[in-house]
Amino acid sequence: MRLFLSSYRFGAHYDRFAALTGGPCAIAVIPNACDAWPDAWSGAVTSDVVPLRRKGFRPEVVDLRDYLGRPAELERTLRDFPAVWVRGGNTFVLRAQFARSGADSVLRRLLTEDTLAYAGYSAGACLLTPDLHGLEESDDPAEVYSACGIETRWDGLDVVDRPIVPHVDSPATDPEGHGSRLAARLAEAGTPHWPLTDDDVVVVDGDEPVLLRG
């Protein structure tokens, strides 16, 4: 299994991202964490596609809304890519779209087979944790019903064994300090978690996760 989980894009570890994905390649970009914000959707996609292209990658948008109820077709599509890039936004909306399209089951299977590398930042990283409780301070669960027409799910994909808290001590991406407060609460409760600044990354290449500080 190969995972690159960050607070913001490549963090300070682009070289590890490139090594994990095998270098510049075709990469599926999943932008559905932004589905509750239709006016900003196109700009959000562009803001991820451009940096990937500048690094030599060949990004292609895979919109999970095109695969609702068609997980077999989604799996065929994703098997054509060496890597997938799941951007930030609303984690609850992203979780809902993974459920509606079957991407949750499909990606678990492809990761277990080591068919592709998974890169996700912010919501794209939090999605892989056991559950999403605590993220409601920064991400609005109520956006799920308006964007997806289903109730909010609080379970993550449970690919990693602990919460990921993005944007800790990162005023540029979290000016209200939601990430720092959540990390402090988890630390006070003695809950194992990964608090990530925008430079930090959790990498899995095989079995054991490694936390890389900026």
N, C-alpha and C. Protein backbone atom coordinates (compact mmCIF):
# COMPACT_ATOMS: atom_id res chain seq x y z
N MET A 1 0.84 -1.20 0.00
CA MET A 1 0.00 0.00 0.00
C MET A 1 0.87 1.24 0.00
N ARG A 2 0.50 2.20 -0.84
CA ARG A 2 1.27 3.45 -0.95
C ARG A 2 0.34 4.64 -0.74
N LEU A 3 0.63 5.42 0.31
CA LEU A 3 -0.19 6.58 0.66
C LEU A 3 0.71 7.79 0.86
N PHE A 4 0.23 8.93 0.40
CA PHE A 4 0.89 10.21 0.65
C PHE A 4 -0.20 11.14 1.17
N LEU A 5 -0.22 11.38 2.47
CA LEU A 5 -1.31 12.09 3.13
C LEU A 5 -0.77 13.37 3.74
N SER A 6 -1.29 14.49 3.27
CA SER A 6 -0.72 15.77 3.67
C SER A 6 -1.80 16.74 4.12
N SER A 7 -1.35 17.82 4.69
CA SER A 7 -2.25 18.90 5.07
C SER A 7 -2.55 19.78 3.86
N TYR A 8 -1.51 20.03 3.05
CA TYR A 8 -1.70 20.91 1.89
C TYR A 8 -0.79 20.48 0.76
N ARG A 9 -1.38 19.89 -0.24
CA ARG A 9 -0.70 19.47 -1.46
C ARG A 9 0.56 18.65 -1.17
N PHE A 10 1.73 19.06 -1.69
CA PHE A 10 2.93 18.25 -1.51
C PHE A 10 3.58 18.46 -0.15
N GLY A 11 3.09 19.42 0.64
CA GLY A 11 3.80 19.77 1.86
C GLY A 11 5.22 20.19 1.50
N ALA A 12 6.16 19.80 2.33
CA ALA A 12 7.57 20.08 2.06
C ALA A 12 8.29 18.84 1.55
N HIS A 13 7.52 17.91 0.94
CA HIS A 13 8.09 16.60 0.62
C HIS A 13 7.71 16.13 -0.78
N TYR A 14 7.86 17.03 -1.76
CA TYR A 14 7.54 16.63 -3.12
C TYR A 14 8.35 15.42 -3.57
N ASP A 15 9.60 15.33 -3.17
CA ASP A 15 10.45 14.22 -3.61
C ASP A 15 9.87 12.88 -3.18
N ARG A 16 9.30 12.83 -1.98
CA ARG A 16 8.68 11.58 -1.52
C ARG A 16 7.41 11.28 -2.31
N PHE A 17 6.66 12.31 -2.65
CA PHE A 17 5.49 12.13 -3.49
C PHE A 17 5.89 11.55 -4.84
N ALA A 18 6.91 12.13 -5.46
CA ALA A 18 7.36 11.65 -6.77
C ALA A 18 7.85 10.22 -6.69
N ALA A 19 8.58 9.88 -5.64
CA ALA A 19 9.10 8.52 -5.50
C ALA A 19 7.96 7.52 -5.30
N LEU A 20 6.97 7.92 -4.52
CA LEU A 20 5.86 7.02 -4.22
C LEU A 20 5.02 6.73 -5.45
N THR A 21 4.85 7.71 -6.31
CA THR A 21 4.03 7.55 -7.50
C THR A 21 4.82 7.03 -8.70
N GLY A 22 6.13 6.94 -8.54
CA GLY A 22 6.96 6.49 -9.66
C GLY A 22 7.37 7.60 -10.59
N GLY A 23 7.26 8.84 -10.13
CA GLY A 23 7.64 9.97 -10.96
C GLY A 23 6.48 10.46 -11.80
N PRO A 24 6.68 11.50 -12.60
CA PRO A 24 5.59 12.05 -13.41
C PRO A 24 4.86 10.98 -14.22
N CYS A 25 3.54 10.95 -14.08
CA CYS A 25 2.73 9.90 -14.69
C CYS A 25 1.31 10.44 -14.85
N ALA A 26 0.46 9.66 -15.46
CA ALA A 26 -0.96 9.98 -15.48
C ALA A 26 -1.50 9.87 -14.05
N ILE A 27 -2.32 10.83 -13.65
CA ILE A 27 -2.84 10.82 -12.28
C ILE A 27 -4.30 11.26 -12.30
N ALA A 28 -5.14 10.48 -11.64
CA ALA A 28 -6.56 10.80 -11.56
C ALA A 28 -6.79 11.82 -10.46
N VAL A 29 -7.40 12.93 -10.79
CA VAL A 29 -7.69 13.98 -9.81
C VAL A 29 -9.16 13.89 -9.43
N ILE A 30 -9.43 13.65 -8.15
CA ILE A 30 -10.79 13.55 -7.64
C ILE A 30 -11.08 14.81 -6.82
N PRO A 31 -11.93 15.72 -7.35
CA PRO A 31 -12.15 17.01 -6.70
C PRO A 31 -13.47 17.11 -5.94
N ASN A 32 -14.09 15.97 -5.61
CA ASN A 32 -15.48 16.00 -5.13
C ASN A 32 -15.68 16.55 -3.73
N ALA A 33 -14.60 16.82 -3.01
CA ALA A 33 -14.74 17.51 -1.73
C ALA A 33 -15.27 18.92 -1.91
N CYS A 34 -15.26 19.42 -3.15
CA CYS A 34 -15.73 20.77 -3.45
C CYS A 34 -17.14 20.79 -4.05
N ASP A 35 -17.84 19.67 -4.03
CA ASP A 35 -19.14 19.60 -4.72
C ASP A 35 -20.21 20.49 -4.11
N ALA A 36 -20.03 20.90 -2.87
CA ALA A 36 -21.02 21.80 -2.26
C ALA A 36 -20.82 23.25 -2.67
N TRP A 37 -19.77 23.52 -3.42
CA TRP A 37 -19.42 24.89 -3.80
C TRP A 37 -19.34 24.99 -5.33
N PRO A 38 -20.47 24.89 -6.03
CA PRO A 38 -20.44 24.86 -7.51
C PRO A 38 -19.76 26.07 -8.14
N ASP A 39 -19.87 27.23 -7.54
CA ASP A 39 -19.25 28.43 -8.12
C ASP A 39 -17.73 28.38 -8.04
N ALA A 40 -17.22 27.60 -7.08
CA ALA A 40 -15.77 27.54 -6.89
C ALA A 40 -15.16 26.26 -7.45
N TRP A 41 -15.99 25.35 -7.94
CA TRP A 41 -15.53 24.01 -8.32
C TRP A 41 -14.47 24.06 -9.41
N SER A 42 -14.74 24.77 -10.47
CA SER A 42 -13.81 24.82 -11.59
C SER A 42 -12.47 25.42 -11.18
N GLY A 43 -12.51 26.49 -10.41
CA GLY A 43 -11.27 27.10 -9.95
C GLY A 43 -10.48 26.19 -9.03
N ALA A 44 -11.21 25.42 -8.20
CA ALA A 44 -10.53 24.48 -7.30
C ALA A 44 -9.82 23.40 -8.09
N VAL A 45 -10.47 22.90 -9.13
CA VAL A 45 -9.84 21.89 -9.98
C VAL A 45 -8.58 22.45 -10.62
N THR A 46 -8.69 23.63 -11.18
CA THR A 46 -7.54 24.26 -11.84
C THR A 46 -6.38 24.45 -10.88
N SER A 47 -6.70 24.81 -9.63
CA SER A 47 -5.64 25.08 -8.66
C SER A 47 -4.85 23.83 -8.30
N ASP A 48 -5.40 22.65 -8.57
CA ASP A 48 -4.65 21.41 -8.35
C ASP A 48 -4.02 20.88 -9.62
N VAL A 49 -4.74 21.00 -10.72
CA VAL A 49 -4.23 20.47 -11.98
C VAL A 49 -2.96 21.21 -12.43
N VAL A 50 -2.94 22.52 -12.26
CA VAL A 50 -1.79 23.31 -12.73
C VAL A 50 -0.49 22.92 -12.02
N PRO A 51 -0.45 22.84 -10.67
CA PRO A 51 0.81 22.43 -10.03
C PRO A 51 1.27 21.03 -10.42
N LEU A 52 0.32 20.12 -10.63
CA LEU A 52 0.69 18.77 -11.06
C LEU A 52 1.31 18.80 -12.45
N ARG A 53 0.72 19.55 -13.35
CA ARG A 53 1.27 19.66 -14.71
C ARG A 53 2.66 20.28 -14.70
N ARG A 54 2.84 21.26 -13.84
CA ARG A 54 4.16 21.92 -13.77
C ARG A 54 5.25 20.93 -13.33
N LYS A 55 4.85 19.92 -12.58
CA LYS A 55 5.80 18.90 -12.13
C LYS A 55 5.95 17.77 -13.15
N GLY A 56 5.24 17.86 -14.26
CA GLY A 56 5.37 16.85 -15.31
C GLY A 56 4.31 15.77 -15.27
N PHE A 57 3.39 15.83 -14.30
CA PHE A 57 2.31 14.84 -14.24
C PHE A 57 1.26 15.13 -15.29
N ARG A 58 0.44 14.12 -15.60
CA ARG A 58 -0.62 14.25 -16.58
C ARG A 58 -1.97 14.04 -15.87
N PRO A 59 -2.48 15.10 -15.23
CA PRO A 59 -3.71 14.97 -14.45
C PRO A 59 -4.95 14.88 -15.33
N GLU A 60 -5.86 14.01 -14.93
CA GLU A 60 -7.17 13.89 -15.56
C GLU A 60 -8.23 13.88 -14.46
N VAL A 61 -9.24 14.70 -14.60
CA VAL A 61 -10.28 14.78 -13.58
C VAL A 61 -11.18 13.55 -13.67
N VAL A 62 -11.37 12.91 -12.55
CA VAL A 62 -12.34 11.82 -12.41
C VAL A 62 -13.40 12.31 -11.43
N ASP A 63 -14.54 12.70 -11.97
CA ASP A 63 -15.63 13.24 -11.17
C ASP A 63 -16.51 12.07 -10.72
N LEU A 64 -16.56 11.83 -9.42
CA LEU A 64 -17.30 10.68 -8.91
C LEU A 64 -18.79 10.76 -9.22
N ARG A 65 -19.28 11.96 -9.49
CA ARG A 65 -20.70 12.11 -9.83
C ARG A 65 -21.03 11.45 -11.17
N ASP A 66 -20.02 11.20 -11.98
CA ASP A 66 -20.22 10.52 -13.25
C ASP A 66 -20.34 9.00 -13.08
N TYR A 67 -20.13 8.52 -11.85
CA TYR A 67 -20.10 7.07 -11.62
C TYR A 67 -21.09 6.63 -10.54
N LEU A 68 -22.10 7.44 -10.27
CA LEU A 68 -23.04 7.10 -9.20
C LEU A 68 -23.73 5.78 -9.51
N GLY A 69 -23.59 4.85 -8.58
CA GLY A 69 -24.19 3.53 -8.76
C GLY A 69 -23.48 2.66 -9.77
N ARG A 70 -22.28 3.06 -10.21
CA ARG A 70 -21.55 2.29 -11.22
C ARG A 70 -20.11 2.03 -10.75
N PRO A 71 -19.94 1.32 -9.64
CA PRO A 71 -18.59 1.11 -9.12
C PRO A 71 -17.70 0.28 -10.05
N ALA A 72 -18.27 -0.64 -10.80
CA ALA A 72 -17.44 -1.45 -11.70
C ALA A 72 -16.82 -0.58 -12.78
N GLU A 73 -17.57 0.37 -13.29
CA GLU A 73 -17.03 1.28 -14.30
C GLU A 73 -15.96 2.19 -13.69
N LEU A 74 -16.21 2.65 -12.47
CA LEU A 74 -15.21 3.48 -11.79
C LEU A 74 -13.93 2.70 -11.59
N GLU A 75 -14.05 1.45 -11.19
CA GLU A 75 -12.85 0.64 -10.99
C GLU A 75 -12.07 0.47 -12.29
N ARG A 76 -12.75 0.24 -13.38
CA ARG A 76 -12.06 0.12 -14.68
C ARG A 76 -11.32 1.41 -15.00
N THR A 77 -11.95 2.54 -14.72
CA THR A 77 -11.31 3.83 -14.99
C THR A 77 -10.06 4.00 -14.14
N LEU A 78 -10.17 3.76 -12.84
CA LEU A 78 -9.04 4.01 -11.94
C LEU A 78 -7.89 3.04 -12.17
N ARG A 79 -8.19 1.86 -12.67
CA ARG A 79 -7.11 0.89 -12.94
C ARG A 79 -6.19 1.35 -14.07
N ASP A 80 -6.61 2.36 -14.81
CA ASP A 80 -5.76 2.90 -15.88
C ASP A 80 -4.75 3.91 -15.36
N PHE A 81 -4.83 4.27 -14.07
CA PHE A 81 -3.96 5.30 -13.52
C PHE A 81 -2.97 4.69 -12.52
N PRO A 82 -1.71 5.11 -12.55
CA PRO A 82 -0.75 4.69 -11.53
C PRO A 82 -0.96 5.39 -10.18
N ALA A 83 -1.72 6.51 -10.20
CA ALA A 83 -1.87 7.28 -8.96
C ALA A 83 -3.19 8.04 -9.00
N VAL A 84 -3.67 8.38 -7.81
CA VAL A 84 -4.88 9.18 -7.66
C VAL A 84 -4.56 10.32 -6.71
N TRP A 85 -5.14 11.49 -7.00
CA TRP A 85 -4.94 12.71 -6.20
C TRP A 85 -6.31 13.17 -5.72
N VAL A 86 -6.52 13.18 -4.40
CA VAL A 86 -7.82 13.54 -3.83
C VAL A 86 -7.65 14.84 -3.07
N ARG A 87 -8.26 15.90 -3.57
CA ARG A 87 -8.01 17.23 -3.04
C ARG A 87 -8.85 17.52 -1.78
N GLY A 88 -8.54 18.65 -1.16
CA GLY A 88 -9.25 19.09 0.03
C GLY A 88 -10.58 19.74 -0.29
N GLY A 89 -11.29 20.07 0.78
CA GLY A 89 -12.63 20.66 0.69
C GLY A 89 -13.42 20.23 1.91
N ASN A 90 -14.65 19.80 1.70
CA ASN A 90 -15.49 19.34 2.80
C ASN A 90 -15.35 17.82 2.91
N THR A 91 -14.80 17.33 4.02
CA THR A 91 -14.56 15.91 4.18
C THR A 91 -15.86 15.11 4.17
N PHE A 92 -16.91 15.67 4.74
CA PHE A 92 -18.19 14.96 4.80
C PHE A 92 -18.80 14.81 3.41
N VAL A 93 -18.70 15.83 2.60
CA VAL A 93 -19.19 15.75 1.21
C VAL A 93 -18.37 14.73 0.43
N LEU A 94 -17.07 14.74 0.61
CA LEU A 94 -16.21 13.78 -0.06
C LEU A 94 -16.57 12.35 0.34
N ARG A 95 -16.80 12.14 1.63
CA ARG A 95 -17.18 10.80 2.11
C ARG A 95 -18.49 10.35 1.46
N ALA A 96 -19.45 11.27 1.37
CA ALA A 96 -20.74 10.93 0.76
C ALA A 96 -20.57 10.54 -0.70
N GLN A 97 -19.75 11.27 -1.44
CA GLN A 97 -19.57 10.96 -2.85
C GLN A 97 -18.80 9.66 -3.06
N PHE A 98 -17.90 9.35 -2.15
CA PHE A 98 -17.24 8.05 -2.21
C PHE A 98 -18.26 6.93 -2.00
N ALA A 99 -19.20 7.13 -1.08
CA ALA A 99 -20.22 6.11 -0.82
C ALA A 99 -21.16 5.96 -2.01
N ARG A 100 -21.60 7.07 -2.58
CA ARG A 100 -22.59 7.04 -3.66
C ARG A 100 -22.02 6.40 -4.94
N SER A 101 -20.74 6.57 -5.17
CA SER A 101 -20.11 6.04 -6.38
C SER A 101 -19.50 4.65 -6.19
N GLY A 102 -19.37 4.23 -4.93
CA GLY A 102 -18.67 2.98 -4.64
C GLY A 102 -17.17 3.14 -4.60
N ALA A 103 -16.69 4.39 -4.63
CA ALA A 103 -15.24 4.62 -4.60
C ALA A 103 -14.62 4.14 -3.30
N ASP A 104 -15.41 4.11 -2.22
CA ASP A 104 -14.85 3.65 -0.94
C ASP A 104 -14.38 2.20 -1.07
N SER A 105 -15.24 1.33 -1.60
CA SER A 105 -14.85 -0.07 -1.77
C SER A 105 -13.80 -0.24 -2.86
N VAL A 106 -13.97 0.47 -3.95
CA VAL A 106 -13.03 0.35 -5.08
C VAL A 106 -11.62 0.73 -4.66
N LEU A 107 -11.47 1.87 -3.99
CA LEU A 107 -10.13 2.31 -3.63
C LEU A 107 -9.50 1.43 -2.56
N ARG A 108 -10.29 0.94 -1.63
CA ARG A 108 -9.72 0.00 -0.66
C ARG A 108 -9.12 -1.21 -1.39
N ARG A 109 -9.86 -1.72 -2.37
CA ARG A 109 -9.38 -2.89 -3.11
C ARG A 109 -8.11 -2.57 -3.90
N LEU A 110 -8.09 -1.45 -4.59
CA LEU A 110 -6.93 -1.09 -5.39
C LEU A 110 -5.70 -0.81 -4.53
N LEU A 111 -5.93 -0.23 -3.35
CA LEU A 111 -4.81 0.03 -2.44
C LEU A 111 -4.26 -1.28 -1.87
N THR A 112 -5.14 -2.20 -1.54
CA THR A 112 -4.69 -3.50 -1.02
C THR A 112 -3.88 -4.25 -2.07
N GLU A 113 -4.30 -4.12 -3.33
CA GLU A 113 -3.57 -4.77 -4.43
C GLU A 113 -2.30 -4.00 -4.79
N ASP A 114 -2.14 -2.80 -4.28
CA ASP A 114 -1.05 -1.90 -4.64
C ASP A 114 -1.08 -1.59 -6.14
N THR A 115 -2.30 -1.44 -6.66
CA THR A 115 -2.48 -1.11 -8.08
C THR A 115 -2.13 0.34 -8.35
N LEU A 116 -2.38 1.20 -7.38
CA LEU A 116 -2.09 2.62 -7.55
C LEU A 116 -1.63 3.23 -6.23
N ALA A 117 -1.04 4.40 -6.33
CA ALA A 117 -0.66 5.18 -5.14
C ALA A 117 -1.76 6.20 -4.88
N TYR A 118 -2.05 6.43 -3.60
CA TYR A 118 -3.08 7.38 -3.20
C TYR A 118 -2.41 8.60 -2.58
N ALA A 119 -2.67 9.77 -3.16
CA ALA A 119 -2.24 11.03 -2.57
C ALA A 119 -3.48 11.84 -2.23
N GLY A 120 -3.58 12.27 -0.99
CA GLY A 120 -4.71 13.08 -0.58
C GLY A 120 -4.27 14.15 0.39
N TYR A 121 -4.84 15.34 0.25
CA TYR A 121 -4.50 16.38 1.21
C TYR A 121 -5.76 16.94 1.85
N SER A 122 -5.63 17.38 3.10
CA SER A 122 -6.73 17.92 3.89
C SER A 122 -7.89 16.92 3.89
N ALA A 123 -9.04 17.24 3.31
CA ALA A 123 -10.16 16.30 3.28
C ALA A 123 -9.75 14.97 2.66
N GLY A 124 -8.92 15.02 1.62
CA GLY A 124 -8.49 13.80 0.95
C GLY A 124 -7.65 12.90 1.83
N ALA A 125 -6.99 13.48 2.83
CA ALA A 125 -6.24 12.69 3.81
C ALA A 125 -7.16 12.23 4.95
N CYS A 126 -7.99 13.14 5.45
CA CYS A 126 -8.88 12.81 6.57
C CYS A 126 -9.85 11.68 6.21
N LEU A 127 -10.20 11.58 4.94
CA LEU A 127 -11.13 10.54 4.49
C LEU A 127 -10.67 9.14 4.86
N LEU A 128 -9.37 8.91 4.94
CA LEU A 128 -8.84 7.56 5.15
C LEU A 128 -8.78 7.17 6.62
N THR A 129 -9.20 8.03 7.52
CA THR A 129 -9.12 7.76 8.95
C THR A 129 -10.32 6.94 9.42
N PRO A 130 -10.30 6.43 10.66
CA PRO A 130 -11.40 5.58 11.11
C PRO A 130 -12.75 6.28 11.18
N ASP A 131 -12.79 7.53 11.63
CA ASP A 131 -14.06 8.26 11.65
C ASP A 131 -13.78 9.76 11.52
N LEU A 132 -14.86 10.49 11.29
CA LEU A 132 -14.72 11.91 10.96
C LEU A 132 -15.14 12.83 12.09
N HIS A 133 -15.39 12.30 13.27
CA HIS A 133 -15.81 13.13 14.38
C HIS A 133 -14.72 14.14 14.75
N GLY A 134 -15.12 15.35 15.01
CA GLY A 134 -14.21 16.44 15.32
C GLY A 134 -14.01 17.37 14.14
N LEU A 135 -14.18 16.84 12.92
CA LEU A 135 -13.98 17.67 11.74
C LEU A 135 -15.14 18.63 11.49
N GLU A 136 -16.24 18.41 12.22
CA GLU A 136 -17.40 19.30 12.03
C GLU A 136 -17.10 20.73 12.47
N GLU A 137 -16.02 20.93 13.20
CA GLU A 137 -15.66 22.29 13.59
C GLU A 137 -15.20 23.11 12.38
N SER A 138 -14.61 22.43 11.40
CA SER A 138 -14.11 23.14 10.22
C SER A 138 -14.91 22.84 8.96
N ASP A 139 -15.50 21.65 8.87
CA ASP A 139 -16.27 21.24 7.69
C ASP A 139 -17.74 21.11 8.09
N ASP A 140 -18.64 21.67 7.32
CA ASP A 140 -20.05 21.70 7.67
C ASP A 140 -20.75 20.42 7.21
N PRO A 141 -21.18 19.56 8.15
CA PRO A 141 -21.87 18.33 7.75
C PRO A 141 -23.18 18.60 7.03
N ALA A 142 -23.80 19.75 7.27
CA ALA A 142 -25.09 20.06 6.64
C ALA A 142 -24.97 20.22 5.13
N GLU A 143 -23.76 20.46 4.62
CA GLU A 143 -23.58 20.60 3.18
C GLU A 143 -23.77 19.28 2.44
N VAL A 144 -23.73 18.17 3.17
CA VAL A 144 -23.85 16.86 2.52
C VAL A 144 -25.21 16.71 1.85
N TYR A 145 -26.27 17.03 2.57
CA TYR A 145 -27.61 16.78 2.02
C TYR A 145 -27.87 17.66 0.80
N SER A 146 -27.47 18.92 0.86
CA SER A 146 -27.72 19.80 -0.28
C SER A 146 -26.88 19.41 -1.49
N ALA A 147 -25.68 18.91 -1.26
CA ALA A 147 -24.79 18.56 -2.38
C ALA A 147 -25.01 17.15 -2.89
N CYS A 148 -25.41 16.24 -1.99
CA CYS A 148 -25.42 14.81 -2.34
C CYS A 148 -26.78 14.15 -2.17
N GLY A 149 -27.68 14.78 -1.42
CA GLY A 149 -29.01 14.22 -1.24
C GLY A 149 -29.08 13.03 -0.32
N ILE A 150 -28.04 12.81 0.50
CA ILE A 150 -28.07 11.73 1.48
C ILE A 150 -27.66 12.28 2.84
N GLU A 151 -27.86 11.48 3.87
CA GLU A 151 -27.49 11.90 5.21
C GLU A 151 -25.97 11.84 5.40
N THR A 152 -25.50 12.62 6.33
CA THR A 152 -24.06 12.66 6.63
C THR A 152 -23.58 11.33 7.19
N ARG A 153 -22.45 10.89 6.72
CA ARG A 153 -21.79 9.70 7.27
C ARG A 153 -20.60 10.16 8.11
N TRP A 154 -20.41 9.49 9.22
CA TRP A 154 -19.35 9.87 10.15
C TRP A 154 -18.21 8.87 10.16
N ASP A 155 -18.33 7.81 9.38
CA ASP A 155 -17.25 6.83 9.30
C ASP A 155 -16.30 7.21 8.19
N GLY A 156 -15.00 7.07 8.45
CA GLY A 156 -14.01 7.22 7.40
C GLY A 156 -13.79 5.88 6.72
N LEU A 157 -12.79 5.82 5.85
CA LEU A 157 -12.52 4.57 5.14
C LEU A 157 -11.69 3.60 5.97
N ASP A 158 -11.15 4.05 7.10
CA ASP A 158 -10.43 3.18 8.03
C ASP A 158 -9.22 2.51 7.37
N VAL A 159 -8.54 3.25 6.51
CA VAL A 159 -7.33 2.74 5.89
C VAL A 159 -6.12 2.97 6.80
N VAL A 160 -6.11 4.09 7.51
CA VAL A 160 -5.10 4.33 8.55
C VAL A 160 -5.79 4.27 9.91
N ASP A 161 -5.00 4.13 10.97
CA ASP A 161 -5.57 3.75 12.26
C ASP A 161 -5.84 4.89 13.22
N ARG A 162 -5.68 6.14 12.78
CA ARG A 162 -5.87 7.26 13.71
C ARG A 162 -6.29 8.52 12.96
N PRO A 163 -6.82 9.49 13.69
CA PRO A 163 -7.21 10.75 13.04
C PRO A 163 -6.01 11.49 12.46
N ILE A 164 -6.28 12.17 11.36
CA ILE A 164 -5.33 13.12 10.78
C ILE A 164 -5.94 14.51 10.98
N VAL A 165 -5.16 15.41 11.55
CA VAL A 165 -5.64 16.77 11.77
C VAL A 165 -4.80 17.71 10.90
N PRO A 166 -5.38 18.24 9.82
CA PRO A 166 -4.61 19.11 8.93
C PRO A 166 -4.58 20.56 9.39
N HIS A 167 -3.67 21.30 8.82
CA HIS A 167 -3.58 22.77 8.97
C HIS A 167 -3.28 23.22 10.40
N VAL A 168 -2.58 22.38 11.17
CA VAL A 168 -2.19 22.78 12.52
C VAL A 168 -1.12 23.87 12.43
N ASP A 169 -1.31 24.94 13.18
CA ASP A 169 -0.37 26.06 13.17
C ASP A 169 -0.10 26.55 11.74
N SER A 170 -1.17 26.62 10.96
CA SER A 170 -1.04 27.01 9.55
C SER A 170 -2.04 28.12 9.24
N PRO A 171 -1.73 29.35 9.63
CA PRO A 171 -2.70 30.44 9.49
C PRO A 171 -3.08 30.75 8.04
N ALA A 172 -2.23 30.41 7.09
CA ALA A 172 -2.55 30.72 5.69
C ALA A 172 -3.74 29.91 5.20
N THR A 173 -3.86 28.65 5.64
CA THR A 173 -4.96 27.78 5.18
C THR A 173 -6.03 27.57 6.24
N ASP A 174 -5.73 27.95 7.47
CA ASP A 174 -6.71 27.77 8.56
C ASP A 174 -6.62 28.97 9.50
N PRO A 175 -7.06 30.14 9.02
CA PRO A 175 -6.88 31.36 9.82
C PRO A 175 -7.64 31.35 11.14
N GLU A 176 -8.68 30.54 11.25
CA GLU A 176 -9.45 30.48 12.49
C GLU A 176 -8.92 29.45 13.47
N GLY A 177 -7.93 28.68 13.07
CA GLY A 177 -7.25 27.77 13.98
C GLY A 177 -8.03 26.52 14.34
N HIS A 178 -8.93 26.07 13.45
CA HIS A 178 -9.71 24.87 13.75
C HIS A 178 -8.81 23.64 13.97
N GLY A 179 -7.83 23.46 13.10
CA GLY A 179 -6.95 22.31 13.21
C GLY A 179 -6.17 22.30 14.51
N SER A 180 -5.66 23.44 14.89
CA SER A 180 -4.86 23.52 16.13
C SER A 180 -5.72 23.18 17.34
N ARG A 181 -6.97 23.66 17.36
CA ARG A 181 -7.85 23.37 18.50
C ARG A 181 -8.21 21.90 18.55
N LEU A 182 -8.49 21.29 17.41
CA LEU A 182 -8.83 19.86 17.40
C LEU A 182 -7.64 19.03 17.85
N ALA A 183 -6.46 19.37 17.37
CA ALA A 183 -5.26 18.63 17.78
C ALA A 183 -5.03 18.75 19.28
N ALA A 184 -5.27 19.93 19.84
CA ALA A 184 -5.11 20.12 21.28
C ALA A 184 -6.11 19.27 22.07
N ARG A 185 -7.36 19.20 21.58
CA ARG A 185 -8.35 18.38 22.28
C ARG A 185 -8.00 16.89 22.24
N LEU A 186 -7.53 16.43 21.09
CA LEU A 186 -7.15 15.03 20.98
C LEU A 186 -5.95 14.72 21.86
N ALA A 187 -5.00 15.65 21.91
CA ALA A 187 -3.83 15.44 22.77
C ALA A 187 -4.23 15.41 24.23
N GLU A 188 -5.13 16.30 24.63
CA GLU A 188 -5.59 16.33 26.02
C GLU A 188 -6.32 15.04 26.40
N ALA A 189 -7.05 14.47 25.45
CA ALA A 189 -7.78 13.22 25.71
C ALA A 189 -6.88 11.99 25.60
N GLY A 190 -5.65 12.18 25.18
CA GLY A 190 -4.74 11.05 25.02
C GLY A 190 -5.04 10.20 23.80
N THR A 191 -5.68 10.80 22.80
CA THR A 191 -6.06 10.07 21.58
C THR A 191 -4.91 10.14 20.57
N PRO A 192 -4.37 9.00 20.17
CA PRO A 192 -3.32 9.03 19.16
C PRO A 192 -3.83 9.67 17.87
N HIS A 193 -3.04 10.54 17.29
CA HIS A 193 -3.44 11.23 16.06
C HIS A 193 -2.20 11.80 15.40
N TRP A 194 -2.36 12.23 14.17
CA TRP A 194 -1.29 12.90 13.45
C TRP A 194 -1.67 14.36 13.25
N PRO A 195 -1.07 15.29 14.00
CA PRO A 195 -1.30 16.72 13.75
C PRO A 195 -0.34 17.20 12.67
N LEU A 196 -0.88 17.70 11.58
CA LEU A 196 -0.04 18.08 10.45
C LEU A 196 -0.07 19.58 10.20
N THR A 197 1.10 20.19 10.17
CA THR A 197 1.21 21.53 9.61
C THR A 197 1.15 21.39 8.09
N ASP A 198 1.12 22.51 7.38
CA ASP A 198 1.05 22.44 5.92
C ASP A 198 2.34 21.95 5.29
N ASP A 199 3.39 21.77 6.07
CA ASP A 199 4.64 21.20 5.56
C ASP A 199 4.74 19.70 5.81
N ASP A 200 3.90 19.15 6.69
CA ASP A 200 4.04 17.77 7.15
C ASP A 200 3.28 16.78 6.27
N VAL A 201 3.76 15.54 6.28
CA VAL A 201 3.17 14.49 5.45
C VAL A 201 3.26 13.16 6.20
N VAL A 202 2.22 12.34 6.06
CA VAL A 202 2.28 10.94 6.48
C VAL A 202 2.44 10.08 5.23
N VAL A 203 3.47 9.25 5.21
CA VAL A 203 3.75 8.39 4.06
C VAL A 203 3.64 6.94 4.49
N VAL A 204 2.96 6.15 3.67
CA VAL A 204 2.94 4.70 3.85
C VAL A 204 3.48 4.11 2.56
N ASP A 205 4.51 3.31 2.68
CA ASP A 205 5.08 2.61 1.53
C ASP A 205 5.33 1.17 1.95
N GLY A 206 4.27 0.40 1.91
CA GLY A 206 4.30 -0.94 2.46
C GLY A 206 3.32 -1.05 3.60
N ASP A 207 3.82 -1.18 4.82
CA ASP A 207 2.94 -1.37 5.97
C ASP A 207 2.94 -0.21 6.96
N GLU A 208 4.11 0.21 7.41
CA GLU A 208 4.19 1.14 8.53
C GLU A 208 4.15 2.60 8.07
N PRO A 209 3.27 3.41 8.65
CA PRO A 209 3.25 4.83 8.30
C PRO A 209 4.44 5.56 8.93
N VAL A 210 4.92 6.58 8.20
CA VAL A 210 6.02 7.40 8.67
C VAL A 210 5.57 8.86 8.61
N LEU A 211 5.72 9.58 9.71
CA LEU A 211 5.38 10.99 9.76
C LEU A 211 6.62 11.80 9.41
N LEU A 212 6.51 12.59 8.35
CA LEU A 212 7.61 13.44 7.90
C LEU A 212 7.30 14.88 8.27
N ARG A 213 8.12 15.48 9.08
CA ARG A 213 7.95 16.86 9.45
C ARG A 213 8.59 17.79 8.42
N GLY A 214 8.04 18.99 8.32
CA GLY A 214 8.56 19.96 7.36
C GLY A 214 9.92 20.51 7.77
